Amino acid sequence: RYRDSDGGLSFTGYRFGDGNVDFNGVIF
């Protein structure tokens, strides 16, 4: 539901620190 005008999703260049990163069950 959050795609850009070109239909893409971008996390380009994002940093996530040293904790856990959880995308469990995500629908892209």
mmCIF file of all heavy atoms, coordinates in Angstrom:
data_MODEL
# 
_entry.id   MODEL 
# 
loop_
_atom_site.group_PDB 
_atom_site.id 
_atom_site.type_symbol 
_atom_site.label_atom_id 
_atom_site.label_alt_id 
_atom_site.label_comp_id 
_atom_site.label_asym_id 
_atom_site.label_entity_id 
_atom_site.label_seq_id 
_atom_site.pdbx_PDB_ins_code 
_atom_site.Cartn_x 
_atom_site.Cartn_y 
_atom_site.Cartn_z 
_atom_site.occupancy 
_atom_site.B_iso_or_equiv 
_atom_site.pdbx_formal_charge 
_atom_site.auth_seq_id 
_atom_site.auth_comp_id 
_atom_site.auth_asym_id 
_atom_site.auth_atom_id 
_atom_site.pdbx_PDB_model_num 
ATOM 1   N N   . ARG A 1 1  ? 0.818  -1.228  0.000   1.00 0.00 ? 1  ARG A N   1 
ATOM 2   C CA  . ARG A 1 1  ? 0.000  0.000   0.000   1.00 0.00 ? 1  ARG A CA  1 
ATOM 3   C C   . ARG A 1 1  ? 0.843  1.266   0.000   1.00 0.00 ? 1  ARG A C   1 
ATOM 4   O O   . ARG A 1 1  ? 0.316  2.363   -0.128  1.00 0.00 ? 1  ARG A O   1 
ATOM 5   C CB  . ARG A 1 1  ? -0.898 0.013   1.233   1.00 0.00 ? 1  ARG A CB  1 
ATOM 6   C CG  . ARG A 1 1  ? -1.828 -1.177  1.291   1.00 0.00 ? 1  ARG A CG  1 
ATOM 7   C CD  . ARG A 1 1  ? -2.804 -1.076  2.425   1.00 0.00 ? 1  ARG A CD  1 
ATOM 8   N NE  . ARG A 1 1  ? -2.204 -0.631  3.677   1.00 0.00 ? 1  ARG A NE  1 
ATOM 9   C CZ  . ARG A 1 1  ? -2.470 -1.137  4.852   1.00 0.00 ? 1  ARG A CZ  1 
ATOM 10  N NH1 . ARG A 1 1  ? -3.316 -2.117  4.967   1.00 0.00 ? 1  ARG A NH1 1 
ATOM 11  N NH2 . ARG A 1 1  ? -1.896 -0.668  5.936   1.00 0.00 ? 1  ARG A NH2 1 
ATOM 12  N N   . TYR A 1 2  ? 2.171  1.128   0.166   1.00 0.00 ? 2  TYR A N   1 
ATOM 13  C CA  . TYR A 1 2  ? 3.038  2.301   0.330   1.00 0.00 ? 2  TYR A CA  1 
ATOM 14  C C   . TYR A 1 2  ? 4.050  2.442   -0.797  1.00 0.00 ? 2  TYR A C   1 
ATOM 15  O O   . TYR A 1 2  ? 5.071  3.083   -0.632  1.00 0.00 ? 2  TYR A O   1 
ATOM 16  C CB  . TYR A 1 2  ? 3.756  2.223   1.690   1.00 0.00 ? 2  TYR A CB  1 
ATOM 17  C CG  . TYR A 1 2  ? 2.770  2.142   2.822   1.00 0.00 ? 2  TYR A CG  1 
ATOM 18  C CD1 . TYR A 1 2  ? 2.528  0.933   3.456   1.00 0.00 ? 2  TYR A CD1 1 
ATOM 19  C CD2 . TYR A 1 2  ? 2.051  3.260   3.213   1.00 0.00 ? 2  TYR A CD2 1 
ATOM 20  C CE1 . TYR A 1 2  ? 1.596  0.843   4.484   1.00 0.00 ? 2  TYR A CE1 1 
ATOM 21  C CE2 . TYR A 1 2  ? 1.129  3.182   4.235   1.00 0.00 ? 2  TYR A CE2 1 
ATOM 22  C CZ  . TYR A 1 2  ? 0.895  1.967   4.867   1.00 0.00 ? 2  TYR A CZ  1 
ATOM 23  O OH  . TYR A 1 2  ? -0.021 1.885   5.870   1.00 0.00 ? 2  TYR A OH  1 
ATOM 24  N N   . ARG A 1 3  ? 3.750  1.900   -1.948  1.00 0.00 ? 3  ARG A N   1 
ATOM 25  C CA  . ARG A 1 3  ? 4.663  1.984   -3.089  1.00 0.00 ? 3  ARG A CA  1 
ATOM 26  C C   . ARG A 1 3  ? 4.702  3.403   -3.636  1.00 0.00 ? 3  ARG A C   1 
ATOM 27  O O   . ARG A 1 3  ? 3.722  4.148   -3.552  1.00 0.00 ? 3  ARG A O   1 
ATOM 28  C CB  . ARG A 1 3  ? 4.239  1.002   -4.168  1.00 0.00 ? 3  ARG A CB  1 
ATOM 29  C CG  . ARG A 1 3  ? 4.431  -0.425  -3.680  1.00 0.00 ? 3  ARG A CG  1 
ATOM 30  C CD  . ARG A 1 3  ? 4.299  -1.443  -4.794  1.00 0.00 ? 3  ARG A CD  1 
ATOM 31  N NE  . ARG A 1 3  ? 4.819  -2.711  -4.327  1.00 0.00 ? 3  ARG A NE  1 
ATOM 32  C CZ  . ARG A 1 3  ? 6.089  -3.058  -4.364  1.00 0.00 ? 3  ARG A CZ  1 
ATOM 33  N NH1 . ARG A 1 3  ? 6.990  -2.248  -4.857  1.00 0.00 ? 3  ARG A NH1 1 
ATOM 34  N NH2 . ARG A 1 3  ? 6.487  -4.223  -3.911  1.00 0.00 ? 3  ARG A NH2 1 
ATOM 35  N N   . ASP A 1 4  ? 5.857  3.768   -4.217  1.00 0.00 ? 4  ASP A N   1 
ATOM 36  C CA  . ASP A 1 4  ? 5.998  5.107   -4.796  1.00 0.00 ? 4  ASP A CA  1 
ATOM 37  C C   . ASP A 1 4  ? 5.281  5.171   -6.152  1.00 0.00 ? 4  ASP A C   1 
ATOM 38  O O   . ASP A 1 4  ? 4.685  4.186   -6.600  1.00 0.00 ? 4  ASP A O   1 
ATOM 39  C CB  . ASP A 1 4  ? 7.469  5.513   -4.901  1.00 0.00 ? 4  ASP A CB  1 
ATOM 40  C CG  . ASP A 1 4  ? 8.277  4.625   -5.823  1.00 0.00 ? 4  ASP A CG  1 
ATOM 41  O OD1 . ASP A 1 4  ? 7.712  3.979   -6.728  1.00 0.00 ? 4  ASP A OD1 1 
ATOM 42  O OD2 . ASP A 1 4  ? 9.514  4.574   -5.639  1.00 0.00 ? 4  ASP A OD2 1 
ATOM 43  N N   . SER A 1 5  ? 5.338  6.310   -6.816  1.00 0.00 ? 5  SER A N   1 
ATOM 44  C CA  . SER A 1 5  ? 4.606  6.514   -8.068  1.00 0.00 ? 5  SER A CA  1 
ATOM 45  C C   . SER A 1 5  ? 5.081  5.578   -9.179  1.00 0.00 ? 5  SER A C   1 
ATOM 46  O O   . SER A 1 5  ? 4.337  5.319   -10.120 1.00 0.00 ? 5  SER A O   1 
ATOM 47  C CB  . SER A 1 5  ? 4.712  7.970   -8.514  1.00 0.00 ? 5  SER A CB  1 
ATOM 48  O OG  . SER A 1 5  ? 6.069  8.320   -8.718  1.00 0.00 ? 5  SER A OG  1 
ATOM 49  N N   . ASP A 1 6  ? 6.309  5.062   -9.066  1.00 0.00 ? 6  ASP A N   1 
ATOM 50  C CA  . ASP A 1 6  ? 6.823  4.103   -10.046 1.00 0.00 ? 6  ASP A CA  1 
ATOM 51  C C   . ASP A 1 6  ? 6.519  2.658   -9.644  1.00 0.00 ? 6  ASP A C   1 
ATOM 52  O O   . ASP A 1 6  ? 6.943  1.727   -10.323 1.00 0.00 ? 6  ASP A O   1 
ATOM 53  C CB  . ASP A 1 6  ? 8.343  4.261   -10.197 1.00 0.00 ? 6  ASP A CB  1 
ATOM 54  C CG  . ASP A 1 6  ? 8.729  5.602   -10.794 1.00 0.00 ? 6  ASP A CG  1 
ATOM 55  O OD1 . ASP A 1 6  ? 7.953  6.137   -11.617 1.00 0.00 ? 6  ASP A OD1 1 
ATOM 56  O OD2 . ASP A 1 6  ? 9.800  6.123   -10.436 1.00 0.00 ? 6  ASP A OD2 1 
ATOM 57  N N   . GLY A 1 7  ? 5.836  2.471   -8.541  1.00 0.00 ? 7  GLY A N   1 
ATOM 58  C CA  . GLY A 1 7  ? 5.487  1.136   -8.074  1.00 0.00 ? 7  GLY A CA  1 
ATOM 59  C C   . GLY A 1 7  ? 6.558  0.457   -7.249  1.00 0.00 ? 7  GLY A C   1 
ATOM 60  O O   . GLY A 1 7  ? 6.452  -0.720  -6.928  1.00 0.00 ? 7  GLY A O   1 
ATOM 61  N N   . GLY A 1 8  ? 7.603  1.187   -6.871  1.00 0.00 ? 8  GLY A N   1 
ATOM 62  C CA  . GLY A 1 8  ? 8.694  0.595   -6.102  1.00 0.00 ? 8  GLY A CA  1 
ATOM 63  C C   . GLY A 1 8  ? 8.602  0.886   -4.616  1.00 0.00 ? 8  GLY A C   1 
ATOM 64  O O   . GLY A 1 8  ? 7.818  1.735   -4.173  1.00 0.00 ? 8  GLY A O   1 
ATOM 65  N N   . LEU A 1 9  ? 9.393  0.136   -3.876  1.00 0.00 ? 9  LEU A N   1 
ATOM 66  C CA  . LEU A 1 9  ? 9.584  0.364   -2.434  1.00 0.00 ? 9  LEU A CA  1 
ATOM 67  C C   . LEU A 1 9  ? 11.073 0.501   -2.207  1.00 0.00 ? 9  LEU A C   1 
ATOM 68  O O   . LEU A 1 9  ? 11.844 -0.348  -2.639  1.00 0.00 ? 9  LEU A O   1 
ATOM 69  C CB  . LEU A 1 9  ? 9.073  -0.811  -1.612  1.00 0.00 ? 9  LEU A CB  1 
ATOM 70  C CG  . LEU A 1 9  ? 7.584  -0.955  -1.438  1.00 0.00 ? 9  LEU A CG  1 
ATOM 71  C CD1 . LEU A 1 9  ? 7.245  -2.306  -0.838  1.00 0.00 ? 9  LEU A CD1 1 
ATOM 72  C CD2 . LEU A 1 9  ? 7.059  0.152   -0.555  1.00 0.00 ? 9  LEU A CD2 1 
ATOM 73  N N   . SER A 1 10 ? 11.486 1.542   -1.527  1.00 0.00 ? 10 SER A N   1 
ATOM 74  C CA  . SER A 1 10 ? 12.919 1.758   -1.357  1.00 0.00 ? 10 SER A CA  1 
ATOM 75  C C   . SER A 1 10 ? 13.326 1.866   0.108   1.00 0.00 ? 10 SER A C   1 
ATOM 76  O O   . SER A 1 10 ? 12.753 2.639   0.873   1.00 0.00 ? 10 SER A O   1 
ATOM 77  C CB  . SER A 1 10 ? 13.359 3.031   -2.086  1.00 0.00 ? 10 SER A CB  1 
ATOM 78  O OG  . SER A 1 10 ? 14.746 3.213   -1.935  1.00 0.00 ? 10 SER A OG  1 
ATOM 79  N N   . PHE A 1 11 ? 14.335 1.069   0.426   1.00 0.00 ? 11 PHE A N   1 
ATOM 80  C CA  . PHE A 1 11 ? 15.050 1.161   1.692   1.00 0.00 ? 11 PHE A CA  1 
ATOM 81  C C   . PHE A 1 11 ? 16.508 1.529   1.393   1.00 0.00 ? 11 PHE A C   1 
ATOM 82  O O   . PHE A 1 11 ? 17.380 1.372   2.230   1.00 0.00 ? 11 PHE A O   1 
ATOM 83  C CB  . PHE A 1 11 ? 15.001 -0.176  2.448   1.00 0.00 ? 11 PHE A CB  1 
ATOM 84  C CG  . PHE A 1 11 ? 13.649 -0.518  3.001   1.00 0.00 ? 11 PHE A CG  1 
ATOM 85  C CD1 . PHE A 1 11 ? 12.704 -1.156  2.205   1.00 0.00 ? 11 PHE A CD1 1 
ATOM 86  C CD2 . PHE A 1 11 ? 13.311 -0.211  4.305   1.00 0.00 ? 11 PHE A CD2 1 
ATOM 87  C CE1 . PHE A 1 11 ? 11.457 -1.484  2.709   1.00 0.00 ? 11 PHE A CE1 1 
ATOM 88  C CE2 . PHE A 1 11 ? 12.068 -0.532  4.818   1.00 0.00 ? 11 PHE A CE2 1 
ATOM 89  C CZ  . PHE A 1 11 ? 11.136 -1.169  4.007   1.00 0.00 ? 11 PHE A CZ  1 
ATOM 90  N N   . THR A 1 12 ? 16.775 1.998   0.189   1.00 0.00 ? 12 THR A N   1 
ATOM 91  C CA  . THR A 1 12 ? 18.127 2.285   -0.271  1.00 0.00 ? 12 THR A CA  1 
ATOM 92  C C   . THR A 1 12 ? 18.848 3.224   0.690   1.00 0.00 ? 12 THR A C   1 
ATOM 93  O O   . THR A 1 12 ? 18.348 4.307   1.001   1.00 0.00 ? 12 THR A O   1 
ATOM 94  C CB  . THR A 1 12 ? 18.102 2.912   -1.680  1.00 0.00 ? 12 THR A CB  1 
ATOM 95  O OG1 . THR A 1 12 ? 17.460 2.004   -2.562  1.00 0.00 ? 12 THR A OG1 1 
ATOM 96  C CG2 . THR A 1 12 ? 19.502 3.199   -2.180  1.00 0.00 ? 12 THR A CG2 1 
ATOM 97  N N   . GLY A 1 13 ? 20.013 2.779   1.154   1.00 0.00 ? 13 GLY A N   1 
ATOM 98  C CA  . GLY A 1 13 ? 20.850 3.606   2.016   1.00 0.00 ? 13 GLY A CA  1 
ATOM 99  C C   . GLY A 1 13 ? 20.391 3.716   3.453   1.00 0.00 ? 13 GLY A C   1 
ATOM 100 O O   . GLY A 1 13 ? 20.987 4.442   4.244   1.00 0.00 ? 13 GLY A O   1 
ATOM 101 N N   . TYR A 1 14 ? 19.347 2.998   3.841   1.00 0.00 ? 14 TYR A N   1 
ATOM 102 C CA  . TYR A 1 14 ? 18.882 3.033   5.232   1.00 0.00 ? 14 TYR A CA  1 
ATOM 103 C C   . TYR A 1 14 ? 19.878 2.287   6.113   1.00 0.00 ? 14 TYR A C   1 
ATOM 104 O O   . TYR A 1 14 ? 20.472 1.297   5.702   1.00 0.00 ? 14 TYR A O   1 
ATOM 105 C CB  . TYR A 1 14 ? 17.506 2.380   5.364   1.00 0.00 ? 14 TYR A CB  1 
ATOM 106 C CG  . TYR A 1 14 ? 16.352 3.264   4.950   1.00 0.00 ? 14 TYR A CG  1 
ATOM 107 C CD1 . TYR A 1 14 ? 16.242 3.775   3.664   1.00 0.00 ? 14 TYR A CD1 1 
ATOM 108 C CD2 . TYR A 1 14 ? 15.342 3.566   5.859   1.00 0.00 ? 14 TYR A CD2 1 
ATOM 109 C CE1 . TYR A 1 14 ? 15.171 4.568   3.292   1.00 0.00 ? 14 TYR A CE1 1 
ATOM 110 C CE2 . TYR A 1 14 ? 14.262 4.358   5.494   1.00 0.00 ? 14 TYR A CE2 1 
ATOM 111 C CZ  . TYR A 1 14 ? 14.182 4.855   4.205   1.00 0.00 ? 14 TYR A CZ  1 
ATOM 112 O OH  . TYR A 1 14 ? 13.124 5.633   3.834   1.00 0.00 ? 14 TYR A OH  1 
ATOM 113 N N   . ARG A 1 15 ? 20.038 2.768   7.331   1.00 0.00 ? 15 ARG A N   1 
ATOM 114 C CA  . ARG A 1 15 ? 20.846 2.091   8.343   1.00 0.00 ? 15 ARG A CA  1 
ATOM 115 C C   . ARG A 1 15 ? 19.905 1.579   9.432   1.00 0.00 ? 15 ARG A C   1 
ATOM 116 O O   . ARG A 1 15 ? 18.929 2.241   9.767   1.00 0.00 ? 15 ARG A O   1 
ATOM 117 C CB  . ARG A 1 15 ? 21.873 3.056   8.942   1.00 0.00 ? 15 ARG A CB  1 
ATOM 118 C CG  . ARG A 1 15 ? 22.906 3.533   7.943   1.00 0.00 ? 15 ARG A CG  1 
ATOM 119 C CD  . ARG A 1 15 ? 24.017 4.347   8.590   1.00 0.00 ? 15 ARG A CD  1 
ATOM 120 N NE  . ARG A 1 15 ? 23.557 5.513   9.334   1.00 0.00 ? 15 ARG A NE  1 
ATOM 121 C CZ  . ARG A 1 15 ? 23.409 6.734   8.819   1.00 0.00 ? 15 ARG A CZ  1 
ATOM 122 N NH1 . ARG A 1 15 ? 23.676 6.963   7.550   1.00 0.00 ? 15 ARG A NH1 1 
ATOM 123 N NH2 . ARG A 1 15 ? 23.002 7.742   9.573   1.00 0.00 ? 15 ARG A NH2 1 
ATOM 124 N N   . PHE A 1 16 ? 20.236 0.415   9.986   1.00 0.00 ? 16 PHE A N   1 
ATOM 125 C CA  . PHE A 1 16 ? 19.345 -0.196  10.960  1.00 0.00 ? 16 PHE A CA  1 
ATOM 126 C C   . PHE A 1 16 ? 19.946 -0.375  12.344  1.00 0.00 ? 16 PHE A C   1 
ATOM 127 O O   . PHE A 1 16 ? 19.332 -0.975  13.201  1.00 0.00 ? 16 PHE A O   1 
ATOM 128 C CB  . PHE A 1 16 ? 18.824 -1.537  10.427  1.00 0.00 ? 16 PHE A CB  1 
ATOM 129 C CG  . PHE A 1 16 ? 17.756 -1.368  9.384   1.00 0.00 ? 16 PHE A CG  1 
ATOM 130 C CD1 . PHE A 1 16 ? 18.087 -1.303  8.042   1.00 0.00 ? 16 PHE A CD1 1 
ATOM 131 C CD2 . PHE A 1 16 ? 16.430 -1.231  9.743   1.00 0.00 ? 16 PHE A CD2 1 
ATOM 132 C CE1 . PHE A 1 16 ? 17.120 -1.128  7.074   1.00 0.00 ? 16 PHE A CE1 1 
ATOM 133 C CE2 . PHE A 1 16 ? 15.438 -1.051  8.790   1.00 0.00 ? 16 PHE A CE2 1 
ATOM 134 C CZ  . PHE A 1 16 ? 15.799 -1.008  7.458   1.00 0.00 ? 16 PHE A CZ  1 
ATOM 135 N N   . GLY A 1 17 ? 21.124 0.128   12.607  1.00 0.00 ? 17 GLY A N   1 
ATOM 136 C CA  . GLY A 1 17 ? 21.698 0.011   13.948  1.00 0.00 ? 17 GLY A CA  1 
ATOM 137 C C   . GLY A 1 17 ? 22.058 -1.430  14.278  1.00 0.00 ? 17 GLY A C   1 
ATOM 138 O O   . GLY A 1 17 ? 22.109 -2.289  13.407  1.00 0.00 ? 17 GLY A O   1 
ATOM 139 N N   . ASP A 1 18 ? 22.292 -1.701  15.564  1.00 0.00 ? 18 ASP A N   1 
ATOM 140 C CA  . ASP A 1 18 ? 22.771 -3.014  15.981  1.00 0.00 ? 18 ASP A CA  1 
ATOM 141 C C   . ASP A 1 18 ? 21.717 -3.883  16.651  1.00 0.00 ? 18 ASP A C   1 
ATOM 142 O O   . ASP A 1 18 ? 22.031 -4.959  17.154  1.00 0.00 ? 18 ASP A O   1 
ATOM 143 C CB  . ASP A 1 18 ? 23.980 -2.866  16.907  1.00 0.00 ? 18 ASP A CB  1 
ATOM 144 C CG  . ASP A 1 18 ? 25.228 -2.489  16.127  1.00 0.00 ? 18 ASP A CG  1 
ATOM 145 O OD1 . ASP A 1 18 ? 25.408 -3.003  15.006  1.00 0.00 ? 18 ASP A OD1 1 
ATOM 146 O OD2 . ASP A 1 18 ? 26.014 -1.679  16.634  1.00 0.00 ? 18 ASP A OD2 1 
ATOM 147 N N   . GLY A 1 19 ? 20.484 -3.459  16.672  1.00 0.00 ? 19 GLY A N   1 
ATOM 148 C CA  . GLY A 1 19 ? 19.421 -4.302  17.204  1.00 0.00 ? 19 GLY A CA  1 
ATOM 149 C C   . GLY A 1 19 ? 18.938 -5.287  16.151  1.00 0.00 ? 19 GLY A C   1 
ATOM 150 O O   . GLY A 1 19 ? 19.425 -5.315  15.017  1.00 0.00 ? 19 GLY A O   1 
ATOM 151 N N   . ASN A 1 20 ? 17.967 -6.103  16.515  1.00 0.00 ? 20 ASN A N   1 
ATOM 152 C CA  . ASN A 1 20 ? 17.353 -7.019  15.561  1.00 0.00 ? 20 ASN A CA  1 
ATOM 153 C C   . ASN A 1 20 ? 16.452 -6.230  14.623  1.00 0.00 ? 20 ASN A C   1 
ATOM 154 O O   . ASN A 1 20 ? 15.845 -5.232  15.014  1.00 0.00 ? 20 ASN A O   1 
ATOM 155 C CB  . ASN A 1 20 ? 16.529 -8.081  16.282  1.00 0.00 ? 20 ASN A CB  1 
ATOM 156 C CG  . ASN A 1 20 ? 17.388 -9.000  17.112  1.00 0.00 ? 20 ASN A CG  1 
ATOM 157 O OD1 . ASN A 1 20 ? 18.533 -9.270  16.784  1.00 0.00 ? 20 ASN A OD1 1 
ATOM 158 N ND2 . ASN A 1 20 ? 16.833 -9.483  18.215  1.00 0.00 ? 20 ASN A ND2 1 
ATOM 159 N N   . VAL A 1 21 ? 16.342 -6.719  13.385  1.00 0.00 ? 21 VAL A N   1 
ATOM 160 C CA  . VAL A 1 21 ? 15.463 -6.109  12.388  1.00 0.00 ? 21 VAL A CA  1 
ATOM 161 C C   . VAL A 1 21 ? 14.498 -7.193  11.944  1.00 0.00 ? 21 VAL A C   1 
ATOM 162 O O   . VAL A 1 21 ? 14.913 -8.228  11.425  1.00 0.00 ? 21 VAL A O   1 
ATOM 163 C CB  . VAL A 1 21 ? 16.260 -5.558  11.186  1.00 0.00 ? 21 VAL A CB  1 
ATOM 164 C CG1 . VAL A 1 21 ? 15.321 -4.919  10.185  1.00 0.00 ? 21 VAL A CG1 1 
ATOM 165 C CG2 . VAL A 1 21 ? 17.316 -4.565  11.658  1.00 0.00 ? 21 VAL A CG2 1 
ATOM 166 N N   . ASP A 1 22 ? 13.201 -6.958  12.140  1.00 0.00 ? 22 ASP A N   1 
ATOM 167 C CA  . ASP A 1 22 ? 12.191 -7.994  11.948  1.00 0.00 ? 22 ASP A CA  1 
ATOM 168 C C   . ASP A 1 22 ? 11.202 -7.603  10.852  1.00 0.00 ? 22 ASP A C   1 
ATOM 169 O O   . ASP A 1 22 ? 10.432 -6.660  11.013  1.00 0.00 ? 22 ASP A O   1 
ATOM 170 C CB  . ASP A 1 22 ? 11.468 -8.211  13.272  1.00 0.00 ? 22 ASP A CB  1 
ATOM 171 C CG  . ASP A 1 22 ? 10.445 -9.325  13.222  1.00 0.00 ? 22 ASP A CG  1 
ATOM 172 O OD1 . ASP A 1 22 ? 10.299 -9.988  12.176  1.00 0.00 ? 22 ASP A OD1 1 
ATOM 173 O OD2 . ASP A 1 22 ? 9.781  -9.538  14.253  1.00 0.00 ? 22 ASP A OD2 1 
ATOM 174 N N   . PHE A 1 23 ? 11.246 -8.347  9.742   1.00 0.00 ? 23 PHE A N   1 
ATOM 175 C CA  . PHE A 1 23 ? 10.275 -8.195  8.653   1.00 0.00 ? 23 PHE A CA  1 
ATOM 176 C C   . PHE A 1 23 ? 9.372  -9.429  8.600   1.00 0.00 ? 23 PHE A C   1 
ATOM 177 O O   . PHE A 1 23 ? 8.795  -9.730  7.567   1.00 0.00 ? 23 PHE A O   1 
ATOM 178 C CB  . PHE A 1 23 ? 10.995 -8.027  7.308   1.00 0.00 ? 23 PHE A CB  1 
ATOM 179 C CG  . PHE A 1 23 ? 11.615 -6.675  7.090   1.00 0.00 ? 23 PHE A CG  1 
ATOM 180 C CD1 . PHE A 1 23 ? 12.938 -6.448  7.441   1.00 0.00 ? 23 PHE A CD1 1 
ATOM 181 C CD2 . PHE A 1 23 ? 10.892 -5.640  6.533   1.00 0.00 ? 23 PHE A CD2 1 
ATOM 182 C CE1 . PHE A 1 23 ? 13.525 -5.206  7.234   1.00 0.00 ? 23 PHE A CE1 1 
ATOM 183 C CE2 . PHE A 1 23 ? 11.469 -4.391  6.324   1.00 0.00 ? 23 PHE A CE2 1 
ATOM 184 C CZ  . PHE A 1 23 ? 12.785 -4.177  6.673   1.00 0.00 ? 23 PHE A CZ  1 
ATOM 185 N N   . ASN A 1 24 ? 9.241  -10.157 9.689   1.00 0.00 ? 24 ASN A N   1 
ATOM 186 C CA  . ASN A 1 24 ? 8.460  -11.386 9.739   1.00 0.00 ? 24 ASN A CA  1 
ATOM 187 C C   . ASN A 1 24 ? 7.039  -11.173 9.221   1.00 0.00 ? 24 ASN A C   1 
ATOM 188 O O   . ASN A 1 24 ? 6.317  -10.289 9.687   1.00 0.00 ? 24 ASN A O   1 
ATOM 189 C CB  . ASN A 1 24 ? 8.418  -11.905 11.181  1.00 0.00 ? 24 ASN A CB  1 
ATOM 190 C CG  . ASN A 1 24 ? 7.703  -13.226 11.301  1.00 0.00 ? 24 ASN A CG  1 
ATOM 191 O OD1 . ASN A 1 24 ? 7.859  -14.099 10.458  1.00 0.00 ? 24 ASN A OD1 1 
ATOM 192 N ND2 . ASN A 1 24 ? 6.913  -13.370 12.347  1.00 0.00 ? 24 ASN A ND2 1 
ATOM 193 N N   . GLY A 1 25 ? 6.637  -11.979 8.225   1.00 0.00 ? 25 GLY A N   1 
ATOM 194 C CA  . GLY A 1 25 ? 5.273  -11.937 7.720   1.00 0.00 ? 25 GLY A CA  1 
ATOM 195 C C   . GLY A 1 25 ? 4.913  -10.705 6.922   1.00 0.00 ? 25 GLY A C   1 
ATOM 196 O O   . GLY A 1 25 ? 3.739  -10.472 6.635   1.00 0.00 ? 25 GLY A O   1 
ATOM 197 N N   . VAL A 1 26 ? 5.889  -9.911  6.514   1.00 0.00 ? 26 VAL A N   1 
ATOM 198 C CA  . VAL A 1 26 ? 5.622  -8.701  5.739   1.00 0.00 ? 26 VAL A CA  1 
ATOM 199 C C   . VAL A 1 26 ? 5.198  -9.076  4.320   1.00 0.00 ? 26 VAL A C   1 
ATOM 200 O O   . VAL A 1 26 ? 5.691  -10.038 3.739   1.00 0.00 ? 26 VAL A O   1 
ATOM 201 C CB  . VAL A 1 26 ? 6.872  -7.789  5.703   1.00 0.00 ? 26 VAL A CB  1 
ATOM 202 C CG1 . VAL A 1 26 ? 6.797  -6.752  4.606   1.00 0.00 ? 26 VAL A CG1 1 
ATOM 203 C CG2 . VAL A 1 26 ? 7.057  -7.118  7.049   1.00 0.00 ? 26 VAL A CG2 1 
ATOM 204 N N   . ILE A 1 27 ? 4.273  -8.314  3.781   1.00 0.00 ? 27 ILE A N   1 
ATOM 205 C CA  . ILE A 1 27 ? 3.859  -8.455  2.388   1.00 0.00 ? 27 ILE A CA  1 
ATOM 206 C C   . ILE A 1 27 ? 4.392  -7.250  1.628   1.00 0.00 ? 27 ILE A C   1 
ATOM 207 O O   . ILE A 1 27 ? 4.054  -6.107  1.941   1.00 0.00 ? 27 ILE A O   1 
ATOM 208 C CB  . ILE A 1 27 ? 2.322  -8.514  2.268   1.00 0.00 ? 27 ILE A CB  1 
ATOM 209 C CG1 . ILE A 1 27 ? 1.789  -9.725  3.024   1.00 0.00 ? 27 ILE A CG1 1 
ATOM 210 C CG2 . ILE A 1 27 ? 1.903  -8.534  0.794   1.00 0.00 ? 27 ILE A CG2 1 
ATOM 211 C CD1 . ILE A 1 27 ? 0.279  -9.733  3.175   1.00 0.00 ? 27 ILE A CD1 1 
ATOM 212 N N   . PHE A 1 28 ? 5.260  -7.518  0.645   1.00 0.00 ? 28 PHE A N   1 
ATOM 213 C CA  . PHE A 1 28 ? 5.789  -6.431  -0.172  1.00 0.00 ? 28 PHE A CA  1 
ATOM 214 C C   . PHE A 1 28 ? 4.986  -6.250  -1.455  1.00 0.00 ? 28 PHE A C   1 
ATOM 215 O O   . PHE A 1 28 ? 4.973  -5.171  -2.030  1.00 0.00 ? 28 PHE A O   1 
ATOM 216 C CB  . PHE A 1 28 ? 7.267  -6.669  -0.497  1.00 0.00 ? 28 PHE A CB  1 
ATOM 217 C CG  . PHE A 1 28 ? 8.174  -6.413  0.666   1.00 0.00 ? 28 PHE A CG  1 
ATOM 218 C CD1 . PHE A 1 28 ? 8.760  -7.464  1.353   1.00 0.00 ? 28 PHE A CD1 1 
ATOM 219 C CD2 . PHE A 1 28 ? 8.442  -5.128  1.099   1.00 0.00 ? 28 PHE A CD2 1 
ATOM 220 C CE1 . PHE A 1 28 ? 9.606  -7.235  2.424   1.00 0.00 ? 28 PHE A CE1 1 
ATOM 221 C CE2 . PHE A 1 28 ? 9.275  -4.887  2.183   1.00 0.00 ? 28 PHE A CE2 1 
ATOM 222 C CZ  . PHE A 1 28 ? 9.855  -5.948  2.838   1.00 0.00 ? 28 PHE A CZ  1 
# 
